[in-house]
Amino acid sequence: MGYDCSRFTDEISEELLCSICSEVLEEALTTDCEHLFCRQCITEWLSVNRTCPIDRLYITARNLKAAPRVVRNLLGKLDIRCDFAPDGCQTVVALEALEKHVNDCYYNPKKRLCCQKGCDKWMTREELKTHNCWNDIRKDMLRQEREIVDLKRWRNALFFAIALLLLYILCPTLLFSFYFENLFIFESNK
């Protein structure tokens, strides 16, 4: 699907519109018969049909190529409003700079911001609305304490395994007597 024409500041030439969705070309591809389409539009079309939507000549996905450079350059110079204009962003950028702007846009709900209340924790704007520094720091500390306990358990198990391995290397018969004594104690506790 292409870019909605209403997002652009100037009138768009018909040559820069996708013939399937009638929107501004997004990831423009061309066929052998030199018709331009959005990548997603023509891919979906070819999943059902094997002809060009305009002149019905036989085409396959292998026949598709990137649009000519002049078309890509014309598209890249078009001025477009930010994806987050409905959320309040007033920025207008060249289409070729849109992706970078959207990633950095303050209104992007997925953009990570730093808490200015004192904890300096990074989170999305949505998380920042309900963020409480003390509660989040407490949760982080509890999680870290659980991780420390788990690591200590693993460390103790590893030390025990190393001790058994050394015992086996130094004196295998002593290891077997240790094993059988503990097995007897284990069986009697059942």
N, C-alpha and C. Protein backbone atom coordinates (compact mmCIF):
# COMPACT_ATOMS: atom_id res chain seq x y z
N MET A 1 0.84 -1.18 0.00
CA MET A 1 0.00 0.00 0.00
C MET A 1 0.88 1.24 0.00
N GLY A 2 0.46 2.23 -0.72
CA GLY A 2 1.24 3.44 -0.86
C GLY A 2 0.98 4.45 0.23
N TYR A 3 1.57 5.63 0.05
CA TYR A 3 1.38 6.74 0.98
C TYR A 3 0.11 7.48 0.60
N ASP A 4 -0.70 7.82 1.58
CA ASP A 4 -1.93 8.57 1.34
C ASP A 4 -1.59 9.94 0.75
N CYS A 5 -2.24 10.29 -0.34
CA CYS A 5 -1.95 11.56 -1.03
C CYS A 5 -2.20 12.77 -0.15
N SER A 6 -3.12 12.68 0.80
CA SER A 6 -3.44 13.83 1.65
C SER A 6 -2.30 14.19 2.60
N ARG A 7 -1.33 13.31 2.75
CA ARG A 7 -0.19 13.59 3.63
C ARG A 7 0.84 14.51 2.97
N PHE A 8 0.74 14.70 1.68
CA PHE A 8 1.73 15.49 0.94
C PHE A 8 1.30 16.95 0.86
N THR A 9 2.28 17.85 0.88
CA THR A 9 1.97 19.28 0.88
C THR A 9 1.63 19.79 -0.51
N ASP A 10 2.14 19.17 -1.54
CA ASP A 10 1.88 19.61 -2.92
C ASP A 10 1.03 18.57 -3.65
N GLU A 11 0.50 18.99 -4.78
CA GLU A 11 -0.26 18.06 -5.60
C GLU A 11 0.71 17.05 -6.22
N ILE A 12 0.28 15.80 -6.30
CA ILE A 12 1.14 14.72 -6.76
C ILE A 12 0.83 14.40 -8.22
N SER A 13 1.88 14.26 -9.01
CA SER A 13 1.73 13.90 -10.41
C SER A 13 1.18 12.48 -10.52
N GLU A 14 0.32 12.27 -11.49
CA GLU A 14 -0.31 10.96 -11.68
C GLU A 14 0.72 9.86 -11.94
N GLU A 15 1.85 10.21 -12.51
CA GLU A 15 2.90 9.22 -12.81
C GLU A 15 3.52 8.64 -11.54
N LEU A 16 3.35 9.32 -10.41
CA LEU A 16 3.94 8.85 -9.16
C LEU A 16 2.92 8.10 -8.28
N LEU A 17 1.78 7.77 -8.87
CA LEU A 17 0.75 7.03 -8.14
C LEU A 17 0.75 5.57 -8.57
N CYS A 18 0.49 4.70 -7.63
CA CYS A 18 0.39 3.26 -7.91
C CYS A 18 -0.93 3.03 -8.64
N SER A 19 -0.89 2.21 -9.67
CA SER A 19 -2.09 1.93 -10.46
C SER A 19 -3.03 0.97 -9.75
N ILE A 20 -2.57 0.34 -8.68
CA ILE A 20 -3.43 -0.59 -7.94
C ILE A 20 -4.14 0.13 -6.80
N CYS A 21 -3.38 0.81 -5.94
CA CYS A 21 -3.98 1.44 -4.75
C CYS A 21 -4.30 2.92 -4.95
N SER A 22 -3.81 3.52 -6.04
CA SER A 22 -4.02 4.94 -6.36
C SER A 22 -3.42 5.87 -5.32
N GLU A 23 -2.41 5.41 -4.61
CA GLU A 23 -1.69 6.24 -3.65
C GLU A 23 -0.27 6.44 -4.14
N VAL A 24 0.48 7.32 -3.46
CA VAL A 24 1.86 7.60 -3.85
C VAL A 24 2.69 6.34 -3.67
N LEU A 25 3.51 6.04 -4.66
CA LEU A 25 4.31 4.81 -4.68
C LEU A 25 5.17 4.64 -3.43
N GLU A 26 5.08 3.46 -2.83
CA GLU A 26 5.91 3.12 -1.69
C GLU A 26 6.75 1.91 -2.08
N GLU A 27 8.07 2.04 -2.01
CA GLU A 27 9.00 1.00 -2.47
C GLU A 27 8.65 0.64 -3.91
N ALA A 28 8.72 1.62 -4.78
CA ALA A 28 8.28 1.50 -6.16
C ALA A 28 9.03 0.42 -6.93
N LEU A 29 8.25 -0.41 -7.63
CA LEU A 29 8.80 -1.44 -8.52
C LEU A 29 8.22 -1.24 -9.90
N THR A 30 8.96 -1.68 -10.91
CA THR A 30 8.49 -1.59 -12.28
C THR A 30 8.48 -2.97 -12.93
N THR A 31 7.62 -3.14 -13.89
CA THR A 31 7.52 -4.40 -14.62
C THR A 31 8.30 -4.28 -15.93
N ASP A 32 8.40 -5.38 -16.68
CA ASP A 32 9.04 -5.33 -17.99
C ASP A 32 8.28 -4.40 -18.93
N CYS A 33 6.97 -4.29 -18.71
CA CYS A 33 6.16 -3.40 -19.55
C CYS A 33 6.16 -1.96 -19.02
N GLU A 34 7.05 -1.66 -18.07
CA GLU A 34 7.34 -0.33 -17.55
C GLU A 34 6.19 0.33 -16.79
N HIS A 35 5.38 -0.45 -16.13
CA HIS A 35 4.34 0.11 -15.26
C HIS A 35 4.87 0.09 -13.82
N LEU A 36 4.50 1.12 -13.05
CA LEU A 36 4.99 1.29 -11.69
C LEU A 36 3.93 0.90 -10.67
N PHE A 37 4.38 0.23 -9.61
CA PHE A 37 3.48 -0.21 -8.54
C PHE A 37 4.22 -0.15 -7.21
N CYS A 38 3.46 -0.09 -6.12
CA CYS A 38 4.04 -0.26 -4.78
C CYS A 38 4.46 -1.73 -4.65
N ARG A 39 5.52 -1.97 -3.93
CA ARG A 39 5.99 -3.35 -3.73
C ARG A 39 4.88 -4.25 -3.17
N GLN A 40 4.24 -3.80 -2.11
CA GLN A 40 3.21 -4.62 -1.47
C GLN A 40 2.03 -4.85 -2.41
N CYS A 41 1.61 -3.82 -3.12
CA CYS A 41 0.45 -3.95 -4.03
C CYS A 41 0.71 -4.98 -5.12
N ILE A 42 1.85 -4.87 -5.80
CA ILE A 42 2.12 -5.79 -6.92
C ILE A 42 2.40 -7.20 -6.42
N THR A 43 3.00 -7.32 -5.23
CA THR A 43 3.26 -8.64 -4.66
C THR A 43 1.95 -9.35 -4.35
N GLU A 44 1.02 -8.61 -3.74
CA GLU A 44 -0.29 -9.20 -3.45
C GLU A 44 -1.03 -9.55 -4.74
N TRP A 45 -0.93 -8.68 -5.74
CA TRP A 45 -1.57 -8.93 -7.04
C TRP A 45 -1.02 -10.21 -7.65
N LEU A 46 0.30 -10.36 -7.64
CA LEU A 46 0.93 -11.52 -8.28
C LEU A 46 0.70 -12.81 -7.50
N SER A 47 0.29 -12.72 -6.26
CA SER A 47 -0.01 -13.94 -5.50
C SER A 47 -1.30 -14.58 -6.01
N VAL A 48 -2.10 -13.80 -6.74
CA VAL A 48 -3.37 -14.31 -7.28
C VAL A 48 -3.36 -14.33 -8.80
N ASN A 49 -2.71 -13.35 -9.42
CA ASN A 49 -2.70 -13.20 -10.89
C ASN A 49 -1.28 -13.34 -11.43
N ARG A 50 -1.18 -13.59 -12.71
CA ARG A 50 0.14 -13.67 -13.36
C ARG A 50 0.23 -12.70 -14.54
N THR A 51 -0.53 -11.61 -14.44
CA THR A 51 -0.53 -10.62 -15.51
C THR A 51 -0.36 -9.24 -14.92
N CYS A 52 0.08 -8.31 -15.75
CA CYS A 52 0.20 -6.91 -15.34
C CYS A 52 -1.21 -6.35 -15.16
N PRO A 53 -1.48 -5.64 -14.09
CA PRO A 53 -2.83 -5.09 -13.87
C PRO A 53 -3.25 -4.06 -14.93
N ILE A 54 -2.28 -3.49 -15.65
CA ILE A 54 -2.60 -2.45 -16.63
C ILE A 54 -2.86 -3.03 -18.02
N ASP A 55 -1.87 -3.76 -18.56
CA ASP A 55 -2.01 -4.23 -19.95
C ASP A 55 -2.19 -5.74 -20.07
N ARG A 56 -2.28 -6.43 -18.95
CA ARG A 56 -2.53 -7.88 -18.89
C ARG A 56 -1.45 -8.74 -19.56
N LEU A 57 -0.24 -8.20 -19.70
CA LEU A 57 0.87 -9.01 -20.20
C LEU A 57 1.33 -9.93 -19.07
N TYR A 58 1.86 -11.10 -19.43
CA TYR A 58 2.32 -12.08 -18.46
C TYR A 58 3.54 -11.53 -17.71
N ILE A 59 3.50 -11.57 -16.38
CA ILE A 59 4.65 -11.18 -15.56
C ILE A 59 4.73 -12.10 -14.34
N THR A 60 5.92 -12.17 -13.76
CA THR A 60 6.12 -12.89 -12.50
C THR A 60 6.92 -11.98 -11.57
N ALA A 61 7.07 -12.41 -10.36
CA ALA A 61 7.83 -11.61 -9.39
C ALA A 61 9.28 -11.42 -9.84
N ARG A 62 9.79 -12.38 -10.60
CA ARG A 62 11.17 -12.25 -11.10
C ARG A 62 11.32 -11.14 -12.14
N ASN A 63 10.22 -10.75 -12.77
CA ASN A 63 10.25 -9.69 -13.76
C ASN A 63 10.28 -8.30 -13.13
N LEU A 64 10.04 -8.21 -11.84
CA LEU A 64 9.98 -6.91 -11.16
C LEU A 64 11.37 -6.38 -10.87
N LYS A 65 11.52 -5.06 -11.04
CA LYS A 65 12.80 -4.39 -10.76
C LYS A 65 12.51 -3.12 -9.99
N ALA A 66 13.52 -2.59 -9.37
CA ALA A 66 13.37 -1.30 -8.70
C ALA A 66 13.01 -0.26 -9.75
N ALA A 67 12.21 0.71 -9.36
CA ALA A 67 11.82 1.78 -10.27
C ALA A 67 13.08 2.51 -10.75
N PRO A 68 13.02 3.12 -11.93
CA PRO A 68 14.18 3.88 -12.40
C PRO A 68 14.60 4.95 -11.39
N ARG A 69 15.87 5.26 -11.41
CA ARG A 69 16.42 6.22 -10.45
C ARG A 69 15.71 7.56 -10.50
N VAL A 70 15.35 8.02 -11.68
CA VAL A 70 14.69 9.32 -11.79
C VAL A 70 13.35 9.31 -11.04
N VAL A 71 12.63 8.21 -11.09
CA VAL A 71 11.37 8.09 -10.37
C VAL A 71 11.63 8.07 -8.86
N ARG A 72 12.62 7.29 -8.44
CA ARG A 72 12.96 7.23 -7.01
C ARG A 72 13.39 8.60 -6.50
N ASN A 73 14.15 9.35 -7.32
CA ASN A 73 14.58 10.69 -6.91
C ASN A 73 13.39 11.63 -6.80
N LEU A 74 12.47 11.58 -7.75
CA LEU A 74 11.27 12.43 -7.69
C LEU A 74 10.44 12.11 -6.45
N LEU A 75 10.28 10.82 -6.16
CA LEU A 75 9.53 10.41 -4.97
C LEU A 75 10.23 10.90 -3.70
N GLY A 76 11.53 10.75 -3.65
CA GLY A 76 12.30 11.12 -2.47
C GLY A 76 12.24 12.61 -2.15
N LYS A 77 12.02 13.46 -3.16
CA LYS A 77 11.98 14.91 -2.95
C LYS A 77 10.60 15.41 -2.54
N LEU A 78 9.56 14.57 -2.59
CA LEU A 78 8.22 15.00 -2.21
C LEU A 78 8.16 15.31 -0.72
N ASP A 79 7.49 16.40 -0.35
CA ASP A 79 7.34 16.77 1.06
C ASP A 79 6.12 16.08 1.64
N ILE A 80 6.33 15.36 2.76
CA ILE A 80 5.27 14.58 3.39
C ILE A 80 5.18 14.92 4.87
N ARG A 81 3.95 14.85 5.39
CA ARG A 81 3.75 15.07 6.82
C ARG A 81 4.14 13.79 7.58
N CYS A 82 4.53 13.97 8.81
CA CYS A 82 4.95 12.87 9.67
C CYS A 82 3.82 11.85 9.85
N ASP A 83 4.19 10.58 10.07
CA ASP A 83 3.21 9.52 10.37
C ASP A 83 2.39 9.86 11.60
N PHE A 84 2.97 10.65 12.50
CA PHE A 84 2.32 10.95 13.76
C PHE A 84 1.68 12.34 13.77
N ALA A 85 1.35 12.85 12.59
CA ALA A 85 0.65 14.13 12.49
C ALA A 85 -0.68 14.09 13.25
N PRO A 86 -1.45 12.98 13.20
CA PRO A 86 -2.69 12.95 13.99
C PRO A 86 -2.44 13.04 15.50
N ASP A 87 -1.23 12.70 15.94
CA ASP A 87 -0.89 12.76 17.37
C ASP A 87 -0.32 14.11 17.78
N GLY A 88 -0.10 14.99 16.79
CA GLY A 88 0.37 16.33 17.13
C GLY A 88 1.65 16.77 16.45
N CYS A 89 2.34 15.88 15.75
CA CYS A 89 3.60 16.27 15.10
C CYS A 89 3.29 17.15 13.88
N GLN A 90 3.91 18.30 13.80
CA GLN A 90 3.69 19.26 12.71
C GLN A 90 4.80 19.20 11.66
N THR A 91 5.73 18.26 11.80
CA THR A 91 6.89 18.21 10.93
C THR A 91 6.54 17.76 9.52
N VAL A 92 7.14 18.43 8.55
CA VAL A 92 7.05 18.05 7.14
C VAL A 92 8.48 17.80 6.68
N VAL A 93 8.73 16.61 6.09
CA VAL A 93 10.08 16.26 5.65
C VAL A 93 10.00 15.71 4.22
N ALA A 94 11.16 15.65 3.58
CA ALA A 94 11.23 14.98 2.27
C ALA A 94 10.97 13.50 2.51
N LEU A 95 10.30 12.86 1.57
CA LEU A 95 9.95 11.45 1.71
C LEU A 95 11.17 10.59 1.99
N GLU A 96 12.32 10.96 1.39
CA GLU A 96 13.53 10.17 1.61
C GLU A 96 14.03 10.26 3.06
N ALA A 97 13.58 11.27 3.82
CA ALA A 97 14.00 11.44 5.21
C ALA A 97 12.91 11.02 6.20
N LEU A 98 11.79 10.51 5.69
CA LEU A 98 10.66 10.20 6.56
C LEU A 98 11.00 9.11 7.58
N GLU A 99 11.63 8.03 7.15
CA GLU A 99 11.91 6.92 8.07
C GLU A 99 12.76 7.37 9.25
N LYS A 100 13.80 8.15 8.97
CA LYS A 100 14.66 8.64 10.05
C LYS A 100 13.87 9.53 11.00
N HIS A 101 13.06 10.43 10.42
CA HIS A 101 12.27 11.32 11.28
C HIS A 101 11.30 10.52 12.15
N VAL A 102 10.61 9.56 11.56
CA VAL A 102 9.62 8.76 12.31
C VAL A 102 10.29 8.04 13.47
N ASN A 103 11.47 7.50 13.26
CA ASN A 103 12.19 6.81 14.34
C ASN A 103 12.56 7.75 15.47
N ASP A 104 12.86 9.01 15.12
CA ASP A 104 13.30 9.99 16.12
C ASP A 104 12.17 10.88 16.63
N CYS A 105 10.99 10.78 16.03
CA CYS A 105 9.89 11.70 16.33
C CYS A 105 9.45 11.58 17.79
N TYR A 106 9.27 12.73 18.43
CA TYR A 106 8.82 12.75 19.82
C TYR A 106 7.46 12.08 19.97
N TYR A 107 6.62 12.16 18.97
CA TYR A 107 5.27 11.62 19.05
C TYR A 107 5.19 10.13 18.74
N ASN A 108 6.30 9.53 18.39
CA ASN A 108 6.33 8.08 18.13
C ASN A 108 6.13 7.34 19.45
N PRO A 109 5.04 6.57 19.58
CA PRO A 109 4.79 5.90 20.87
C PRO A 109 5.84 4.84 21.21
N LYS A 110 6.62 4.40 20.24
CA LYS A 110 7.65 3.39 20.50
C LYS A 110 9.01 4.01 20.79
N LYS A 111 9.12 5.32 20.62
CA LYS A 111 10.39 5.98 20.90
C LYS A 111 10.65 5.94 22.39
N ARG A 112 11.88 5.65 22.77
CA ARG A 112 12.24 5.55 24.18
C ARG A 112 12.74 6.91 24.66
N LEU A 113 12.19 7.32 25.80
CA LEU A 113 12.55 8.59 26.43
C LEU A 113 13.11 8.33 27.82
N CYS A 114 13.90 9.26 28.30
CA CYS A 114 14.50 9.15 29.63
C CYS A 114 13.60 9.84 30.65
N CYS A 115 13.36 9.17 31.78
CA CYS A 115 12.56 9.75 32.85
C CYS A 115 13.30 10.97 33.41
N GLN A 116 12.59 12.06 33.51
CA GLN A 116 13.18 13.30 34.02
C GLN A 116 12.89 13.52 35.50
N LYS A 117 12.25 12.52 36.15
CA LYS A 117 11.87 12.66 37.56
C LYS A 117 13.00 12.28 38.52
N GLY A 118 14.06 11.68 37.98
CA GLY A 118 15.18 11.39 38.86
C GLY A 118 15.79 10.00 38.69
N CYS A 119 15.05 9.05 38.13
CA CYS A 119 15.61 7.69 38.05
C CYS A 119 16.40 7.46 36.76
N ASP A 120 16.25 8.33 35.77
CA ASP A 120 16.96 8.24 34.49
C ASP A 120 16.72 6.92 33.77
N LYS A 121 15.58 6.27 34.01
CA LYS A 121 15.23 5.03 33.33
C LYS A 121 14.63 5.35 31.96
N TRP A 122 14.99 4.52 30.96
CA TRP A 122 14.48 4.73 29.60
C TRP A 122 13.22 3.91 29.40
N MET A 123 12.20 4.54 28.77
CA MET A 123 10.93 3.85 28.51
C MET A 123 10.19 4.58 27.39
N THR A 124 9.12 3.93 26.90
CA THR A 124 8.32 4.57 25.85
C THR A 124 7.47 5.68 26.46
N ARG A 125 6.93 6.52 25.59
CA ARG A 125 6.09 7.63 26.06
C ARG A 125 4.87 7.11 26.81
N GLU A 126 4.30 6.00 26.33
CA GLU A 126 3.14 5.40 26.99
C GLU A 126 3.51 4.92 28.40
N GLU A 127 4.67 4.28 28.53
CA GLU A 127 5.12 3.81 29.85
C GLU A 127 5.42 4.98 30.77
N LEU A 128 5.91 6.06 30.19
CA LEU A 128 6.27 7.25 30.97
C LEU A 128 5.05 7.88 31.64
N LYS A 129 3.87 7.75 31.00
CA LYS A 129 2.65 8.34 31.56
C LYS A 129 2.29 7.72 32.92
N THR A 130 2.51 6.42 33.07
CA THR A 130 2.14 5.72 34.31
C THR A 130 3.35 5.39 35.18
N HIS A 131 4.50 5.89 34.80
CA HIS A 131 5.76 5.55 35.49
C HIS A 131 5.81 6.14 36.89
N ASN A 132 6.26 5.33 37.85
CA ASN A 132 6.52 5.77 39.22
C ASN A 132 7.94 5.32 39.54
N CYS A 133 8.85 6.26 39.72
CA CYS A 133 10.27 5.93 39.93
C CYS A 133 10.48 4.93 41.05
N TRP A 134 9.86 5.18 42.21
CA TRP A 134 10.08 4.32 43.37
C TRP A 134 9.61 2.90 43.11
N ASN A 135 8.42 2.75 42.56
CA ASN A 135 7.90 1.40 42.29
C ASN A 135 8.77 0.66 41.28
N ASP A 136 9.19 1.36 40.23
CA ASP A 136 10.01 0.70 39.21
C ASP A 136 11.39 0.31 39.74
N ILE A 137 11.99 1.19 40.55
CA ILE A 137 13.30 0.87 41.13
C ILE A 137 13.16 -0.32 42.09
N ARG A 138 12.08 -0.34 42.86
CA ARG A 138 11.84 -1.46 43.80
C ARG A 138 11.68 -2.77 43.02
N LYS A 139 10.89 -2.75 41.94
CA LYS A 139 10.72 -3.96 41.12
C LYS A 139 12.06 -4.43 40.54
N ASP A 140 12.86 -3.47 40.07
CA ASP A 140 14.17 -3.83 39.53
C ASP A 140 15.06 -4.45 40.60
N MET A 141 15.03 -3.91 41.82
CA MET A 141 15.85 -4.46 42.90
C MET A 141 15.40 -5.86 43.27
N LEU A 142 14.09 -6.10 43.35
CA LEU A 142 13.58 -7.44 43.67
C LEU A 142 13.98 -8.44 42.59
N ARG A 143 13.87 -8.03 41.34
CA ARG A 143 14.26 -8.90 40.24
C ARG A 143 15.75 -9.23 40.32
N GLN A 144 16.57 -8.23 40.62
CA GLN A 144 18.00 -8.45 40.73
C GLN A 144 18.35 -9.35 41.92
N GLU A 145 17.62 -9.19 43.03
CA GLU A 145 17.85 -10.06 44.18
C GLU A 145 17.52 -11.52 43.85
N ARG A 146 16.43 -11.74 43.11
CA ARG A 146 16.09 -13.11 42.68
C ARG A 146 17.16 -13.68 41.77
N GLU A 147 17.68 -12.85 40.88
CA GLU A 147 18.74 -13.30 39.98
C GLU A 147 20.00 -13.66 40.78
N ILE A 148 20.32 -12.88 41.79
CA ILE A 148 21.49 -13.16 42.64
C ILE A 148 21.32 -14.50 43.35
N VAL A 149 20.13 -14.76 43.91
CA VAL A 149 19.86 -16.03 44.59
C VAL A 149 20.02 -17.19 43.60
N ASP A 150 19.46 -17.03 42.40
CA ASP A 150 19.59 -18.08 41.39
C ASP A 150 21.05 -18.32 41.00
N LEU A 151 21.82 -17.25 40.85
CA LEU A 151 23.23 -17.38 40.51
C LEU A 151 24.01 -18.08 41.63
N LYS A 152 23.67 -17.78 42.88
CA LYS A 152 24.34 -18.44 44.00
C LYS A 152 24.04 -19.94 44.01
N ARG A 153 22.79 -20.29 43.69
CA ARG A 153 22.44 -21.72 43.61
C ARG A 153 23.26 -22.42 42.52
N TRP A 154 23.35 -21.77 41.37
CA TRP A 154 24.14 -22.36 40.28
C TRP A 154 25.60 -22.47 40.68
N ARG A 155 26.12 -21.44 41.35
CA ARG A 155 27.52 -21.47 41.79
C ARG A 155 27.75 -22.64 42.74
N ASN A 156 26.85 -22.83 43.72
CA ASN A 156 27.00 -23.93 44.68
C ASN A 156 26.93 -25.29 43.98
N ALA A 157 26.01 -25.43 43.04
CA ALA A 157 25.90 -26.68 42.30
C ALA A 157 27.16 -26.95 41.48
N LEU A 158 27.71 -25.88 40.91
CA LEU A 158 28.94 -26.01 40.12
C LEU A 158 30.12 -26.40 41.02
N PHE A 159 30.24 -25.77 42.19
CA PHE A 159 31.30 -26.13 43.13
C PHE A 159 31.19 -27.60 43.54
N PHE A 160 29.96 -28.05 43.82
CA PHE A 160 29.75 -29.43 44.21
C PHE A 160 30.15 -30.39 43.08
N ALA A 161 29.78 -30.04 41.84
CA ALA A 161 30.15 -30.88 40.69
C ALA A 161 31.66 -30.92 40.51
N ILE A 162 32.32 -29.79 40.70
CA ILE A 162 33.78 -29.75 40.57
C ILE A 162 34.43 -30.59 41.67
N ALA A 163 33.88 -30.49 42.88
CA ALA A 163 34.43 -31.28 43.99
C ALA A 163 34.29 -32.77 43.71
N LEU A 164 33.14 -33.18 43.21
CA LEU A 164 32.95 -34.59 42.87
C LEU A 164 33.89 -35.04 41.76
N LEU A 165 34.07 -34.18 40.78
CA LEU A 165 34.98 -34.51 39.68
C LEU A 165 36.41 -34.66 40.20
N LEU A 166 36.85 -33.75 41.05
CA LEU A 166 38.20 -33.86 41.63
C LEU A 166 38.33 -35.11 42.49
N LEU A 167 37.30 -35.41 43.25
CA LEU A 167 37.31 -36.61 44.08
C LEU A 167 37.42 -37.86 43.21
N TYR A 168 36.71 -37.86 42.11
CA TYR A 168 36.75 -39.01 41.20
C TYR A 168 38.14 -39.14 40.58
N ILE A 169 38.74 -38.01 40.22
CA ILE A 169 40.07 -38.05 39.60
C ILE A 169 41.11 -38.50 40.61
N LEU A 170 41.05 -37.98 41.84
CA LEU A 170 42.07 -38.29 42.84
C LEU A 170 41.88 -39.66 43.48
N CYS A 171 40.63 -40.02 43.73
CA CYS A 171 40.40 -41.29 44.42
C CYS A 171 39.02 -41.85 44.03
N PRO A 172 38.95 -42.58 42.96
CA PRO A 172 37.66 -43.06 42.47
C PRO A 172 36.94 -43.96 43.49
N THR A 173 37.67 -44.78 44.23
CA THR A 173 36.99 -45.68 45.18
C THR A 173 36.33 -44.90 46.31
N LEU A 174 36.94 -43.81 46.73
CA LEU A 174 36.35 -42.98 47.78
C LEU A 174 35.04 -42.36 47.30
N LEU A 175 35.00 -41.96 46.02
CA LEU A 175 33.79 -41.39 45.45
C LEU A 175 32.65 -42.39 45.48
N PHE A 176 32.93 -43.65 45.11
CA PHE A 176 31.87 -44.66 45.08
C PHE A 176 31.36 -44.96 46.48
N SER A 177 32.25 -44.98 47.46
CA SER A 177 31.79 -45.22 48.83
C SER A 177 30.94 -44.03 49.32
N PHE A 178 31.33 -42.80 48.95
CA PHE A 178 30.54 -41.62 49.29
C PHE A 178 29.16 -41.71 48.64
N TYR A 179 29.13 -42.11 47.39
CA TYR A 179 27.87 -42.23 46.65
C TYR A 179 26.95 -43.26 47.30
N PHE A 180 27.48 -44.43 47.63
CA PHE A 180 26.65 -45.48 48.22
C PHE A 180 26.17 -45.12 49.62
N GLU A 181 27.00 -44.43 50.42
CA GLU A 181 26.57 -44.00 51.75
C GLU A 181 25.40 -43.02 51.63
N ASN A 182 25.49 -42.07 50.72
CA ASN A 182 24.43 -41.08 50.55
C ASN A 182 23.19 -41.72 49.93
N LEU A 183 23.37 -42.72 49.08
CA LEU A 183 22.24 -43.42 48.50
C LEU A 183 21.49 -44.18 49.60
N PHE A 184 22.23 -44.80 50.53
CA PHE A 184 21.61 -45.52 51.64
C PHE A 184 20.82 -44.56 52.52
N ILE A 185 21.41 -43.39 52.82
CA ILE A 185 20.73 -42.38 53.65
C ILE A 185 19.49 -41.89 52.94
N PHE A 186 19.59 -41.67 51.62
CA PHE A 186 18.46 -41.20 50.84
C PHE A 186 17.31 -42.23 50.85
N GLU A 187 17.66 -43.51 50.67
CA GLU A 187 16.65 -44.57 50.64
C GLU A 187 15.99 -44.74 51.99
N SER A 188 16.72 -44.58 53.09
CA SER A 188 16.12 -44.75 54.41
C SER A 188 15.22 -43.57 54.80
N ASN A 189 15.42 -42.41 54.18
CA ASN A 189 14.58 -41.24 54.45
C ASN A 189 13.26 -41.29 53.70
N LYS A 190 13.10 -42.20 52.78
CA LYS A 190 11.86 -42.25 51.99
C LYS A 190 10.68 -42.66 52.79
